[in-house]
Amino acid sequence: MSQASMQAVLQVPAMGFTTGMVTVSVWLVSEGDCVLAGDRVVQLVAGAATVDLLAPVTGRLARQLVDEDDPVEPGESLALFTATPAAEGQL
């Protein structure tokens, strides 16, 4: 029996820094890894600040859209996640 799945996109938040330069520092999970909503998945660096971004859903990291050390801008998509209603019970 097939379960409906949904996709969620993780985007660079508007962090309120005067510099527009934000860099992907390190991915904390790999494509295909299971995550729980709220798990740390990627670190961004803006100036002297390091910011951890959290998984938007419980499920799997389906695809990383940017690489480590890539410059990114607010609103840019970083990753796609796939979640299913039963994902929480399977992790």
Foldseek 3Di string as FASTA:
>chain_A
DDFDKDKDWDFAAPPPDPDQWKFWADAPDDFFDWDAFFCFGTWMDDPPDIDTDTDHHGAGFHDAPDDGGDTDGGPHTGTMGMGTPCRVVVD
